[in-house]
PDB file of N, CA and C in Angstrom:
ATOM      1  N   MET A   1       0.964  -1.389  -0.194  1.00  0.00           N
ATOM      2  CA  MET A   1      -0.183   0.056   0.027  1.00  0.00           C
ATOM      3  C   MET A   1       0.742   1.456  -0.040  1.00  0.00           C
ATOM      4  N   THR A   2       1.728   1.096   0.771  1.00  0.00           N
ATOM      5  CA  THR A   2       3.066   2.480   0.685  1.00  0.00           C
ATOM      6  C   THR A   2       3.031   2.665  -0.611  1.00  0.00           C
ATOM      7  N   LYS A   3       3.923   1.161  -1.296  1.00  0.00           N
ATOM      8  CA  LYS A   3       4.622   1.826  -2.691  1.00  0.00           C
ATOM      9  C   LYS A   3       2.950   2.362  -3.844  1.00  0.00           C
ATOM     10  N   LEU A   4       2.192   1.631  -3.401  1.00  0.00           N
ATOM     11  CA  LEU A   4       0.814   2.457  -3.998  1.00  0.00           C
ATOM     12  C   LEU A   4       0.910   3.889  -3.757  1.00  0.00           C
ATOM     13  N   LYS A   5       0.716   4.526  -2.514  1.00  0.00           N
ATOM     14  CA  LYS A   5       0.390   5.562  -2.317  1.00  0.00           C
ATOM     15  C   LYS A   5       1.497   6.539  -3.151  1.00  0.00           C
ATOM     16  N   LEU A   6       2.837   5.992  -2.689  1.00  0.00           N
ATOM     17  CA  LEU A   6       4.458   6.659  -3.289  1.00  0.00           C
ATOM     18  C   LEU A   6       3.969   6.948  -4.849  1.00  0.00           C
ATOM     19  N   SER A   7       3.523   5.992  -5.264  1.00  0.00           N
ATOM     20  CA  SER A   7       3.397   6.248  -6.737  1.00  0.00           C
ATOM     21  C   SER A   7       2.078   6.641  -6.937  1.00  0.00           C
ATOM     22  N   LEU A   8       1.431   6.919  -6.993  1.00  0.00           N
ATOM     23  CA  LEU A   8       0.353   7.966  -6.851  1.00  0.00           C
ATOM     24  C   LEU A   8       1.447   9.444  -6.832  1.00  0.00           C
ATOM     25  N   ILE A   9       2.088   9.749  -5.547  1.00  0.00           N
ATOM     26  CA  ILE A   9       1.720  10.889  -5.467  1.00  0.00           C
ATOM     27  C   ILE A   9       3.093  11.251  -6.542  1.00  0.00           C
ATOM     28  N   ALA A  10       4.074  10.784  -6.420  1.00  0.00           N
ATOM     29  CA  ALA A  10       5.043  10.844  -7.884  1.00  0.00           C
ATOM     30  C   ALA A  10       4.227  11.002  -9.353  1.00  0.00           C
ATOM     31  N   VAL A  11       3.394  10.154  -9.637  1.00  0.00           N
ATOM     32  CA  VAL A  11       2.446  10.691 -10.653  1.00  0.00           C
ATOM     33  C   VAL A  11       1.860  12.147 -10.617  1.00  0.00           C
ATOM     34  N   ALA A  12       1.209  12.307  -9.527  1.00  0.00           N
ATOM     35  CA  ALA A  12      -0.025  13.880  -9.133  1.00  0.00           C
ATOM     36  C   ALA A  12       1.478  14.187  -9.266  1.00  0.00           C
ATOM     37  N   ALA A  13       2.642  14.720  -9.089  1.00  0.00           N
ATOM     38  CA  ALA A  13       3.362  15.650  -8.801  1.00  0.00           C
ATOM     39  C   ALA A  13       4.017  15.935 -10.166  1.00  0.00           C
ATOM     40  N   ALA A  14       4.271  14.922 -10.749  1.00  0.00           N
ATOM     41  CA  ALA A  14       4.788  14.739 -12.539  1.00  0.00           C
ATOM     42  C   ALA A  14       4.221  15.000 -13.246  1.00  0.00           C
ATOM     43  N   SER A  15       2.833  14.771 -13.143  1.00  0.00           N
ATOM     44  CA  SER A  15       1.674  15.693 -14.110  1.00  0.00           C
ATOM     45  C   SER A  15       1.631  17.044 -13.539  1.00  0.00           C
ATOM     46  N   GLY A  16       1.746  17.846 -12.132  1.00  0.00           N
ATOM     47  CA  GLY A  16       1.316  19.213 -12.094  1.00  0.00           C
ATOM     48  C   GLY A  16       2.696  19.694 -12.621  1.00  0.00           C
ATOM     49  N   PHE A  17       3.832  18.856 -12.314  1.00  0.00           N
ATOM     50  CA  PHE A  17       4.954  19.491 -13.345  1.00  0.00           C
ATOM     51  C   PHE A  17       4.503  19.852 -14.487  1.00  0.00           C
ATOM     52  N   LEU A  18       4.340  19.027 -15.109  1.00  0.00           N
ATOM     53  CA  LEU A  18       3.836  19.289 -16.664  1.00  0.00           C
ATOM     54  C   LEU A  18       2.824  20.222 -16.567  1.00  0.00           C
ATOM     55  N   MET A  19       2.131  20.258 -16.429  1.00  0.00           N
ATOM     56  CA  MET A  19       1.179  20.900 -16.882  1.00  0.00           C
ATOM     57  C   MET A  19       1.055  22.423 -16.294  1.00  0.00           C
ATOM     58  N   SER A  20       1.991  22.843 -15.325  1.00  0.00           N
ATOM     59  CA  SER A  20       2.567  23.823 -14.794  1.00  0.00           C
ATOM     60  C   SER A  20       4.113  24.271 -15.881  1.00  0.00           C
ATOM     61  N   ASN A  21       4.708  24.010 -16.885  1.00  0.00           N
ATOM     62  CA  ASN A  21       5.631  24.009 -17.772  1.00  0.00           C
ATOM     63  C   ASN A  21       4.627  24.171 -18.988  1.00  0.00           C
ATOM     64  N   GLY A  22       3.810  23.447 -18.977  1.00  0.00           N
ATOM     65  CA  GLY A  22       2.888  23.573 -20.496  1.00  0.00           C
ATOM     66  C   GLY A  22       1.783  24.362 -20.210  1.00  0.00           C
ATOM     67  N   ALA A  23       1.796  25.465 -19.118  1.00  0.00           N
ATOM     68  CA  ALA A  23       0.584  26.336 -19.016  1.00  0.00           C
ATOM     69  C   ALA A  23       0.768  27.642 -19.991  1.00  0.00           C
ATOM     70  N   PHE A  24       1.912  27.995 -20.751  1.00  0.00           N
ATOM     71  CA  PHE A  24       2.247  28.417 -21.270  1.00  0.00           C
ATOM     72  C   PHE A  24       2.652  28.721 -22.430  1.00  0.00           C
ATOM     73  N   ALA A  25       2.248  26.776 -23.089  1.00  0.00           N
ATOM     74  CA  ALA A  25       2.226  26.630 -24.191  1.00  0.00           C
ATOM     75  C   ALA A  25       1.537  27.463 -25.417  1.00  0.00           C
ATOM     76  N   SER A  26       2.084  28.056 -26.594  1.00  0.00           N
ATOM     77  CA  SER A  26       1.128  28.782 -27.298  1.00  0.00           C
ATOM     78  C   SER A  26       0.474  27.849 -28.395  1.00  0.00           C
ATOM     79  N   ASP A  27       1.282  26.764 -28.727  1.00  0.00           N
ATOM     80  CA  ASP A  27       0.793  26.068 -30.039  1.00  0.00           C
ATOM     81  C   ASP A  27      -0.557  24.942 -29.245  1.00  0.00           C
ATOM     82  N   GLY A  28      -1.971  25.452 -29.733  1.00  0.00           N
ATOM     83  CA  GLY A  28      -2.654  24.650 -29.888  1.00  0.00           C
ATOM     84  C   GLY A  28      -4.084  24.984 -28.928  1.00  0.00           C
ATOM     85  N   ALA A  29      -3.402  25.981 -28.751  1.00  0.00           N
ATOM     86  CA  ALA A  29      -3.696  27.129 -27.172  1.00  0.00           C
ATOM     87  C   ALA A  29      -4.934  28.203 -27.612  1.00  0.00           C
ATOM     88  N   PRO A  30      -6.049  28.088 -27.978  1.00  0.00           N
ATOM     89  CA  PRO A  30      -6.914  29.125 -28.642  1.00  0.00           C
ATOM     90  C   PRO A  30      -6.818  30.285 -27.689  1.00  0.00           C
ATOM     91  N   LEU A  31      -6.629  31.429 -28.012  1.00  0.00           N
ATOM     92  CA  LEU A  31      -6.339  32.216 -27.376  1.00  0.00           C
ATOM     93  C   LEU A  31      -7.681  33.078 -26.723  1.00  0.00           C
ATOM     94  N   GLY A  32      -8.402  33.401 -28.060  1.00  0.00           N
ATOM     95  CA  GLY A  32      -9.765  34.003 -27.785  1.00  0.00           C
ATOM     96  C   GLY A  32      -9.724  35.556 -26.386  1.00  0.00           C
ATOM     97  N   CYS A  33      -9.040  36.566 -27.385  1.00  0.00           N
ATOM     98  CA  CYS A  33      -9.095  37.888 -26.382  1.00  0.00           C
ATOM     99  C   CYS A  33     -10.282  38.128 -26.300  1.00  0.00           C
ATOM    100  N   ARG A  34     -10.793  38.240 -25.095  1.00  0.00           N
ATOM    101  CA  ARG A  34     -12.543  38.955 -25.106  1.00  0.00           C
ATOM    102  C   ARG A  34     -12.412  40.134 -25.291  1.00  0.00           C
ATOM    103  N   THR A  35     -11.309  40.957 -24.310  1.00  0.00           N
ATOM    104  CA  THR A  35     -11.442  42.243 -24.706  1.00  0.00           C
ATOM    105  C   THR A  35      -9.995  42.413 -24.156  1.00  0.00           C
ATOM    106  N   GLY A  36      -9.122  43.855 -25.465  1.00  0.00           N
ATOM    107  CA  GLY A  36      -7.783  43.946 -25.765  1.00  0.00           C
ATOM    108  C   GLY A  36      -7.608  42.922 -26.986  1.00  0.00           C
ATOM    109  N   ASP A  37      -6.414  43.333 -27.046  1.00  0.00           N
ATOM    110  CA  ASP A  37      -5.618  43.247 -28.397  1.00  0.00           C
ATOM    111  C   ASP A  37      -4.778  42.028 -28.273  1.00  0.00           C
ATOM    112  N   PRO A  38      -4.859  40.829 -29.222  1.00  0.00           N
ATOM    113  CA  PRO A  38      -4.167  39.670 -29.371  1.00  0.00           C
ATOM    114  C   PRO A  38      -2.526  40.304 -28.930  1.00  0.00           C
ATOM    115  N   LEU A  39      -1.899  39.329 -28.563  1.00  0.00           N
ATOM    116  CA  LEU A  39      -0.320  40.019 -28.474  1.00  0.00           C
ATOM    117  C   LEU A  39       0.835  38.617 -28.973  1.00  0.00           C
ATOM    118  N   HIS A  40       1.820  39.000 -29.181  1.00  0.00           N
ATOM    119  CA  HIS A  40       2.939  37.893 -28.807  1.00  0.00           C
ATOM    120  C   HIS A  40       4.123  38.710 -28.348  1.00  0.00           C
ATOM    121  N   ILE A  41       4.616  37.930 -26.775  1.00  0.00           N
ATOM    122  CA  ILE A  41       5.899  38.041 -26.545  1.00  0.00           C
ATOM    123  C   ILE A  41       7.072  38.110 -27.319  1.00  0.00           C
ATOM    124  N   ARG A  42       7.943  38.940 -27.328  1.00  0.00           N
ATOM    125  CA  ARG A  42       9.118  38.984 -28.020  1.00  0.00           C
ATOM    126  C   ARG A  42      10.380  39.067 -26.665  1.00  0.00           C
ATOM    127  N   GLY A  43      11.274  37.892 -27.208  1.00  0.00           N
ATOM    128  CA  GLY A  43      12.419  37.521 -26.242  1.00  0.00           C
ATOM    129  C   GLY A  43      11.406  37.301 -24.921  1.00  0.00           C
ATOM    130  N   ASP A  44      12.283  36.577 -23.914  1.00  0.00           N
ATOM    131  CA  ASP A  44      12.251  36.298 -22.638  1.00  0.00           C
ATOM    132  C   ASP A  44      11.982  37.507 -21.853  1.00  0.00           C
ATOM    133  N   ALA A  45      10.662  37.782 -21.301  1.00  0.00           N
ATOM    134  CA  ALA A  45      10.202  38.963 -20.754  1.00  0.00           C
ATOM    135  C   ALA A  45      10.251  38.726 -19.636  1.00  0.00           C
ATOM    136  N   PRO A  46      10.351  39.729 -18.650  1.00  0.00           N
ATOM    137  CA  PRO A  46      10.058  39.394 -16.860  1.00  0.00           C
ATOM    138  C   PRO A  46       8.852  40.520 -17.105  1.00  0.00           C
ATOM    139  N   ALA A  47       7.958  39.371 -16.242  1.00  0.00           N
ATOM    140  CA  ALA A  47       6.698  39.791 -16.037  1.00  0.00           C
ATOM    141  C   ALA A  47       6.390  40.160 -14.483  1.00  0.00           C
ATOM    142  N   ALA A  48       5.516  41.397 -14.140  1.00  0.00           N
ATOM    143  CA  ALA A  48       5.352  41.369 -12.788  1.00  0.00           C
ATOM    144  C   ALA A  48       4.020  41.539 -12.235  1.00  0.00           C
ATOM    145  N   ILE A  49       3.638  40.796 -11.207  1.00  0.00           N
ATOM    146  CA  ILE A  49       2.333  40.648 -10.514  1.00  0.00           C
ATOM    147  C   ILE A  49       1.292  42.157 -10.544  1.00  0.00           C
ATOM    148  N   SER A  50       2.490  43.090  -9.912  1.00  0.00           N
ATOM    149  CA  SER A  50       1.525  44.109  -9.979  1.00  0.00           C
ATOM    150  C   SER A  50       2.520  45.275 -10.954  1.00  0.00           C
ATOM    151  N   TYR A  51       1.469  47.028 -10.864  1.00  0.00           N
ATOM    152  CA  TYR A  51       2.215  47.621 -11.501  1.00  0.00           C
ATOM    153  C   TYR A  51       3.600  48.562 -10.324  1.00  0.00           C
ATOM    154  N   ASP A  52       3.344  47.929  -9.374  1.00  0.00           N
ATOM    155  CA  ASP A  52       4.191  48.454  -8.455  1.00  0.00           C
ATOM    156  C   ASP A  52       5.655  48.063  -8.386  1.00  0.00           C
ATOM    157  N   VAL A  53       5.585  46.422  -8.821  1.00  0.00           N
ATOM    158  CA  VAL A  53       6.841  45.525  -8.712  1.00  0.00           C
ATOM    159  C   VAL A  53       7.441  46.081  -9.977  1.00  0.00           C
ATOM    160  N   TYR A  54       6.350  45.818 -11.199  1.00  0.00           N
ATOM    161  CA  TYR A  54       7.012  46.227 -12.282  1.00  0.00           C
ATOM    162  C   TYR A  54       7.762  47.673 -12.369  1.00  0.00           C
ATOM    163  N   SER A  55       7.209  48.944 -11.667  1.00  0.00           N
ATOM    164  CA  SER A  55       8.243  49.941 -11.829  1.00  0.00           C
ATOM    165  C   SER A  55       9.182  49.725 -10.449  1.00  0.00           C
ATOM    166  N   GLN A  56       9.512  49.065  -9.739  1.00  0.00           N
ATOM    167  CA  GLN A  56      10.204  48.475  -9.243  1.00  0.00           C
ATOM    168  C   GLN A  56      11.908  48.074  -9.325  1.00  0.00           C
ATOM    169  N   LEU A  57      11.032  46.932 -10.994  1.00  0.00           N
ATOM    170  CA  LEU A  57      11.941  46.079 -11.299  1.00  0.00           C
ATOM    171  C   LEU A  57      12.926  47.236 -12.437  1.00  0.00           C
ATOM    172  N   TYR A  58      12.416  48.483 -12.940  1.00  0.00           N
ATOM    173  CA  TYR A  58      13.061  49.063 -14.019  1.00  0.00           C
ATOM    174  C   TYR A  58      13.927  50.158 -13.074  1.00  0.00           C
ATOM    175  N   PRO A  59      15.080  50.392 -13.096  1.00  0.00           N
ATOM    176  CA  PRO A  59      16.258  49.609 -14.508  1.00  0.00           C
ATOM    177  C   PRO A  59      16.043  48.496 -14.609  1.00  0.00           C
ATOM    178  N   LEU A  60      16.276  47.305 -15.812  1.00  0.00           N
ATOM    179  CA  LEU A  60      16.438  46.164 -15.180  1.00  0.00           C
ATOM    180  C   LEU A  60      17.845  45.610 -14.949  1.00  0.00           C
ATOM    181  N   SER A  61      17.893  45.049 -13.608  1.00  0.00           N
ATOM    182  CA  SER A  61      19.211  44.302 -13.637  1.00  0.00           C
ATOM    183  C   SER A  61      19.334  43.290 -13.468  1.00  0.00           C
ATOM    184  N   ALA A  62      20.148  42.501 -13.431  1.00  0.00           N
ATOM    185  CA  ALA A  62      20.299  40.531 -13.011  1.00  0.00           C
ATOM    186  C   ALA A  62      20.466  40.592 -11.694  1.00  0.00           C
ATOM    187  N   LYS A  63      20.493  41.497 -11.043  1.00  0.00           N
ATOM    188  CA  LYS A  63      20.533  41.322  -9.502  1.00  0.00           C
ATOM    189  C   LYS A  63      19.230  41.510  -8.855  1.00  0.00           C
ATOM    190  N   ARG A  64      18.589  42.598  -9.691  1.00  0.00           N
ATOM    191  CA  ARG A  64      17.003  42.703  -8.948  1.00  0.00           C
ATOM    192  C   ARG A  64      16.367  42.142  -9.603  1.00  0.00           C
ATOM    193  N   LEU A  65      16.709  41.701 -10.864  1.00  0.00           N
ATOM    194  CA  LEU A  65      15.320  40.558 -11.548  1.00  0.00           C
ATOM    195  C   LEU A  65      15.583  39.073 -10.801  1.00  0.00           C
ATOM    196  N   ALA A  66      16.630  38.792  -9.953  1.00  0.00           N
ATOM    197  CA  ALA A  66      16.925  37.499  -9.597  1.00  0.00           C
ATOM    198  C   ALA A  66      16.193  37.742  -7.848  1.00  0.00           C
ATOM    199  N   LEU A  67      15.917  38.731  -7.533  1.00  0.00           N
ATOM    200  CA  LEU A  67      15.644  38.842  -6.311  1.00  0.00           C
ATOM    201  C   LEU A  67      13.580  38.853  -6.114  1.00  0.00           C
ATOM    202  N   PHE A  68      13.678  39.324  -7.212  1.00  0.00           N
ATOM    203  CA  PHE A  68      12.474  39.621  -7.367  1.00  0.00           C
ATOM    204  C   PHE A  68      11.753  38.177  -8.227  1.00  0.00           C
ATOM    205  N   GLU A  69      12.544  37.206  -8.699  1.00  0.00           N
ATOM    206  CA  GLU A  69      12.060  36.063  -9.283  1.00  0.00           C
ATOM    207  C   GLU A  69      12.234  34.916  -7.946  1.00  0.00           C
ATOM    208  N   GLU A  70      12.939  34.801  -6.639  1.00  0.00           N
ATOM    209  CA  GLU A  70      13.276  34.592  -5.404  1.00  0.00           C
ATOM    210  C   GLU A  70      11.847  34.845  -4.879  1.00  0.00           C
ATOM    211  N   ALA A  71      11.539  36.280  -4.777  1.00  0.00           N
ATOM    212  CA  ALA A  71      10.065  36.153  -4.085  1.00  0.00           C
ATOM    213  C   ALA A  71       8.722  35.901  -4.695  1.00  0.00           C
ATOM    214  N   GLY A  72       8.672  35.578  -5.976  1.00  0.00           N
ATOM    215  CA  GLY A  72       7.695  34.826  -6.685  1.00  0.00           C
ATOM    216  C   GLY A  72       7.096  36.502  -7.211  1.00  0.00           C
ATOM    217  N   THR A  73       7.481  37.617  -7.297  1.00  0.00           N
ATOM    218  CA  THR A  73       6.383  38.647  -7.946  1.00  0.00           C
ATOM    219  C   THR A  73       7.083  38.684  -9.131  1.00  0.00           C
ATOM    220  N   VAL A  74       7.861  38.356  -9.653  1.00  0.00           N
ATOM    221  CA  VAL A  74       8.286  38.170 -11.276  1.00  0.00           C
ATOM    222  C   VAL A  74       8.389  37.126 -11.695  1.00  0.00           C
ATOM    223  N   LYS A  75       8.001  36.168 -13.126  1.00  0.00           N
ATOM    224  CA  LYS A  75       8.317  35.356 -13.634  1.00  0.00           C
ATOM    225  C   LYS A  75       8.499  35.462 -15.369  1.00  0.00           C
ATOM    226  N   ARG A  76       9.241  34.945 -15.703  1.00  0.00           N
ATOM    227  CA  ARG A  76      10.061  35.035 -17.371  1.00  0.00           C
ATOM    228  C   ARG A  76       8.198  33.964 -17.786  1.00  0.00           C
ATOM    229  N   LEU A  77       8.136  35.004 -18.959  1.00  0.00           N
ATOM    230  CA  LEU A  77       7.041  34.821 -20.223  1.00  0.00           C
ATOM    231  C   LEU A  77       8.009  34.645 -21.145  1.00  0.00           C
ATOM    232  N   PRO A  78       7.469  33.431 -21.908  1.00  0.00           N
ATOM    233  CA  PRO A  78       8.938  32.798 -23.115  1.00  0.00           C
ATOM    234  C   PRO A  78       8.237  33.466 -23.908  1.00  0.00           C
ATOM    235  N   GLU A  79       9.280  33.643 -24.716  1.00  0.00           N
ATOM    236  CA  GLU A  79       9.638  34.115 -26.361  1.00  0.00           C
ATOM    237  C   GLU A  79       8.272  33.393 -27.076  1.00  0.00           C
ATOM    238  N   GLY A  80       7.447  34.008 -27.791  1.00  0.00           N
ATOM    239  CA  GLY A  80       6.624  32.990 -28.797  1.00  0.00           C
ATOM    240  C   GLY A  80       5.457  33.636 -28.205  1.00  0.00           C
ATOM    241  N   LEU A  81       4.915  33.353 -26.959  1.00  0.00           N
ATOM    242  CA  LEU A  81       3.890  33.564 -26.241  1.00  0.00           C
ATOM    243  C   LEU A  81       3.230  34.220 -26.660  1.00  0.00           C
ATOM    244  N   ASP A  82       1.586  33.447 -27.065  1.00  0.00           N
ATOM    245  CA  ASP A  82       0.520  34.433 -27.215  1.00  0.00           C
ATOM    246  C   ASP A  82      -0.432  35.134 -25.995  1.00  0.00           C
ATOM    247  N   VAL A  83      -0.349  35.857 -25.780  1.00  0.00           N
ATOM    248  CA  VAL A  83      -0.986  36.774 -24.841  1.00  0.00           C
ATOM    249  C   VAL A  83      -2.078  37.939 -25.026  1.00  0.00           C
ATOM    250  N   CYS A  84      -3.065  38.331 -24.360  1.00  0.00           N
ATOM    251  CA  CYS A  84      -4.266  39.282 -24.363  1.00  0.00           C
ATOM    252  C   CYS A  84      -3.689  39.960 -24.008  1.00  0.00           C
ATOM    253  N   GLU A  85      -4.030  41.728 -24.394  1.00  0.00           N
ATOM    254  CA  GLU A  85      -3.615  42.360 -23.496  1.00  0.00           C
ATOM    255  C   GLU A  85      -4.900  42.912 -22.820  1.00  0.00           C
ATOM    256  N   ILE A  86      -5.484  43.923 -21.536  1.00  0.00           N
ATOM    257  CA  ILE A  86      -6.106  43.839 -21.006  1.00  0.00           C
ATOM    258  C   ILE A  86      -6.091  45.497 -21.315  1.00  0.00           C
ATOM    259  N   ALA A  87      -7.102  45.613 -21.761  1.00  0.00           N
ATOM    260  CA  ALA A  87      -7.522  46.944 -22.446  1.00  0.00           C
ATOM    261  C   ALA A  87      -7.692  47.869 -21.275  1.00  0.00           C
ATOM    262  N   ASP A  88      -8.461  47.890 -20.506  1.00  0.00           N
ATOM    263  CA  ASP A  88      -8.574  48.208 -19.392  1.00  0.00           C
ATOM    264  C   ASP A  88      -7.537  48.299 -18.262  1.00  0.00           C
ATOM    265  N   ASP A  89      -6.207  48.805 -18.297  1.00  0.00           N
ATOM    266  CA  ASP A  89      -5.354  48.054 -17.244  1.00  0.00           C
ATOM    267  C   ASP A  89      -5.088  49.769 -16.100  1.00  0.00           C
ATOM    268  N   GLY A  90      -6.237  50.246 -16.076  1.00  0.00           N
ATOM    269  CA  GLY A  90      -6.198  51.733 -15.255  1.00  0.00           C
ATOM    270  C   GLY A  90      -4.639  52.192 -14.753  1.00  0.00           C
ATOM    271  N   VAL A  91      -3.048  51.911 -15.711  1.00  0.00           N
ATOM    272  CA  VAL A  91      -2.770  53.043 -15.687  1.00  0.00           C
ATOM    273  C   VAL A  91      -2.686  53.410 -16.584  1.00  0.00           C
ATOM    274  N   THR A  92      -1.327  54.648 -17.047  1.00  0.00           N
ATOM    275  CA  THR A  92      -1.304  55.876 -17.960  1.00  0.00           C
ATOM    276  C   THR A  92       0.018  55.942 -18.621  1.00  0.00           C
ATOM    277  N   ASP A  93       1.056  54.267 -17.909  1.00  0.00           N
ATOM    278  CA  ASP A  93       2.266  54.499 -18.467  1.00  0.00           C
ATOM    279  C   ASP A  93       2.273  53.858 -19.931  1.00  0.00           C
ATOM    280  N   PRO A  94       2.543  54.080 -20.621  1.00  0.00           N
ATOM    281  CA  PRO A  94       2.723  53.451 -22.525  1.00  0.00           C
ATOM    282  C   PRO A  94       4.228  52.649 -22.155  1.00  0.00           C
ATOM    283  N   SER A  95       4.952  52.282 -21.244  1.00  0.00           N
ATOM    284  CA  SER A  95       5.939  52.034 -21.330  1.00  0.00           C
ATOM    285  C   SER A  95       5.318  50.296 -20.504  1.00  0.00           C
ATOM    286  N   ALA A  96       4.163  50.017 -20.102  1.00  0.00           N
ATOM    287  CA  ALA A  96       3.659  49.114 -19.433  1.00  0.00           C
ATOM    288  C   ALA A  96       2.490  48.438 -19.749  1.00  0.00           C
ATOM    289  N   VAL A  97       2.457  47.300 -19.888  1.00  0.00           N
ATOM    290  CA  VAL A  97       1.323  46.669 -20.641  1.00  0.00           C
ATOM    291  C   VAL A  97       1.162  45.593 -19.935  1.00  0.00           C
ATOM    292  N   LEU A  98      -0.742  45.312 -19.594  1.00  0.00           N
ATOM    293  CA  LEU A  98      -1.145  44.573 -18.906  1.00  0.00           C
ATOM    294  C   LEU A  98      -1.259  43.154 -19.776  1.00  0.00           C
ATOM    295  N   VAL A  99      -1.216  42.172 -19.441  1.00  0.00           N
ATOM    296  CA  VAL A  99      -1.467  40.804 -20.395  1.00  0.00           C
ATOM    297  C   VAL A  99      -1.841  39.498 -19.400  1.00  0.00           C
ATOM    298  N   ARG A 100      -2.611  38.544 -20.420  1.00  0.00           N
ATOM    299  CA  ARG A 100      -2.980  37.688 -19.535  1.00  0.00           C
ATOM    300  C   ARG A 100      -2.638  36.325 -20.421  1.00  0.00           C
ATOM    301  N   GLY A 101      -2.008  35.259 -20.373  1.00  0.00           N
ATOM    302  CA  GLY A 101      -1.871  34.295 -21.104  1.00  0.00           C
ATOM    303  C   GLY A 101      -2.698  33.395 -21.551  1.00  0.00           C
ATOM    304  N   PRO A 102      -3.410  32.388 -22.189  1.00  0.00           N
ATOM    305  CA  PRO A 102      -4.492  31.315 -22.953  1.00  0.00           C
ATOM    306  C   PRO A 102      -4.918  31.241 -21.578  1.00  0.00           C
ATOM    307  N   HIS A 103      -3.341  30.435 -20.970  1.00  0.00           N
ATOM    308  CA  HIS A 103      -4.211  29.494 -19.704  1.00  0.00           C
ATOM    309  C   HIS A 103      -3.653  29.757 -18.350  1.00  0.00           C
ATOM    310  N   ASP A 104      -3.513  31.527 -18.088  1.00  0.00           N
ATOM    311  CA  ASP A 104      -3.139  31.998 -16.975  1.00  0.00           C
ATOM    312  C   ASP A 104      -4.674  32.679 -16.518  1.00  0.00           C
ATOM    313  N   ARG A 105      -4.325  32.270 -15.280  1.00  0.00           N
ATOM    314  CA  ARG A 105      -5.437  32.859 -14.095  1.00  0.00           C
ATOM    315  C   ARG A 105      -4.440  34.086 -13.771  1.00  0.00           C
ATOM    316  N   MET A 106      -4.071  34.527 -13.898  1.00  0.00           N
ATOM    317  CA  MET A 106      -3.613  35.920 -13.431  1.00  0.00           C
ATOM    318  C   MET A 106      -2.622  36.775 -14.089  1.00  0.00           C
ATOM    319  N   ALA A 107      -2.902  38.260 -14.217  1.00  0.00           N
ATOM    320  CA  ALA A 107      -2.403  38.781 -15.253  1.00  0.00           C
ATOM    321  C   ALA A 107      -1.218  39.578 -14.789  1.00  0.00           C
ATOM    322  N   TRP A 108      -0.213  39.897 -15.794  1.00  0.00           N
ATOM    323  CA  TRP A 108       1.106  39.921 -15.182  1.00  0.00           C
ATOM    324  C   TRP A 108       1.556  41.586 -16.285  1.00  0.00           C
ATOM    325  N   TRP A 109       2.612  42.086 -15.841  1.00  0.00           N
ATOM    326  CA  TRP A 109       3.142  43.300 -16.069  1.00  0.00           C
ATOM    327  C   TRP A 109       4.210  43.055 -17.221  1.00  0.00           C
ATOM    328  N   VAL A 110       4.230  43.235 -18.413  1.00  0.00           N
ATOM    329  CA  VAL A 110       5.566  43.622 -18.815  1.00  0.00           C
ATOM    330  C   VAL A 110       5.671  45.046 -19.618  1.00  0.00           C
ATOM    331  N   SER A 111       7.202  44.729 -20.209  1.00  0.00           N
ATOM    332  CA  SER A 111       7.375  46.250 -20.882  1.00  0.00           C
ATOM    333  C   SER A 111       6.928  46.052 -22.062  1.00  0.00           C
ATOM    334  N   ALA A 112       6.370  47.425 -22.306  1.00  0.00           N
ATOM    335  CA  ALA A 112       6.201  47.646 -23.918  1.00  0.00           C
ATOM    336  C   ALA A 112       7.015  46.808 -25.071  1.00  0.00           C
ATOM    337  N   ASP A 113       7.863  47.057 -24.909  1.00  0.00           N
ATOM    338  CA  ASP A 113       9.643  46.388 -25.916  1.00  0.00           C
ATOM    339  C   ASP A 113       9.277  45.205 -26.112  1.00  0.00           C
ATOM    340  N   HIS A 114       8.430  44.389 -25.119  1.00  0.00           N
ATOM    341  CA  HIS A 114       8.611  42.594 -24.997  1.00  0.00           C
ATOM    342  C   HIS A 114       7.315  42.387 -26.020  1.00  0.00           C
ATOM    343  N   VAL A 115       6.290  43.206 -26.550  1.00  0.00           N
ATOM    344  CA  VAL A 115       5.100  42.937 -26.623  1.00  0.00           C
ATOM    345  C   VAL A 115       4.790  43.062 -28.310  1.00  0.00           C
ATOM    346  N   ALA A 116       4.619  42.288 -29.268  1.00  0.00           N
ATOM    347  CA  ALA A 116       4.190  42.603 -30.956  1.00  0.00           C
ATOM    348  C   ALA A 116       2.610  42.780 -30.973  1.00  0.00           C
ATOM    349  N   PRO A 117       1.937  43.344 -31.999  1.00  0.00           N
ATOM    350  CA  PRO A 117       0.462  42.518 -32.540  1.00  0.00           C
ATOM    351  C   PRO A 117       0.950  41.056 -32.927  1.00  0.00           C
ATOM    352  N   LYS A 118       0.199  40.181 -32.479  1.00  0.00           N
ATOM    353  CA  LYS A 118      -0.085  38.841 -32.864  1.00  0.00           C
ATOM    354  C   LYS A 118      -0.030  38.826 -34.590  1.00  0.00           C
ATOM    355  N   ALA A 119      -1.037  39.771 -35.157  1.00  0.00           N
ATOM    356  CA  ALA A 119      -0.818  39.411 -36.735  1.00  0.00           C
ATOM    357  C   ALA A 119      -0.227  39.989 -37.148  1.00  0.00           C
ATOM    358  N   ALA A 120       1.373  41.073 -36.298  1.00  0.00           N
ATOM    359  CA  ALA A 120       2.381  41.440 -37.628  1.00  0.00           C
ATOM    360  C   ALA A 120       3.444  39.859 -36.802  1.00  0.00           C
ATOM    361  N   SER A 121       3.713  39.195 -36.185  1.00  0.00           N
ATOM    362  CA  SER A 121       4.644  38.403 -35.256  1.00  0.00           C
ATOM    363  C   SER A 121       3.823  37.083 -36.416  1.00  0.00           C
ATOM    364  N   ASP A 122       3.030  37.075 -36.855  1.00  0.00           N
ATOM    365  CA  ASP A 122       2.201  35.519 -37.423  1.00  0.00           C
ATOM    366  C   ASP A 122       3.573  34.959 -38.070  1.00  0.00           C
ATOM    367  N   GLY A 123       3.665  35.754 -39.427  1.00  0.00           N
ATOM    368  CA  GLY A 123       4.707  35.394 -40.356  1.00  0.00           C
ATOM    369  C   GLY A 123       5.939  34.877 -39.829  1.00  0.00           C
ATOM    370  N   ASN A 124       6.688  35.509 -38.656  1.00  0.00           N
ATOM    371  CA  ASN A 124       7.585  35.421 -37.886  1.00  0.00           C
ATOM    372  C   ASN A 124       8.366  34.457 -37.217  1.00  0.00           C
ATOM    373  N   ASP A 125       7.652  33.510 -37.250  1.00  0.00           N
ATOM    374  CA  ASP A 125       7.561  32.524 -36.262  1.00  0.00           C
ATOM    375  C   ASP A 125       8.393  31.289 -37.091  1.00  0.00           C
TER     376      ASP A 125
END
């Protein structure tokens, strides 16, 4: 019985790992933006959980980025990820864009330099 429990735990853990790593896969994931524009992430973009964290992140440095990633307030959105812009983000800063990925429940602040319109990037994949 103990081996069975351990096996089930290992399978569940592996499934969770695969699900968390696959959450940002853009292949086969319908984007379906309800509001806002479909965008494409250019380069690996550091993404902040709030505008306050985003504003503290810049100017970007490796040390600052590592500290925020360790704290869990910043993660990297991978190159090529299709995202939806949240049209009414409530912030007037043109350098910051609030986006949500196809399977992500949380919105993330990214630099405008790291996004491109989805239609413009389709032929460059």
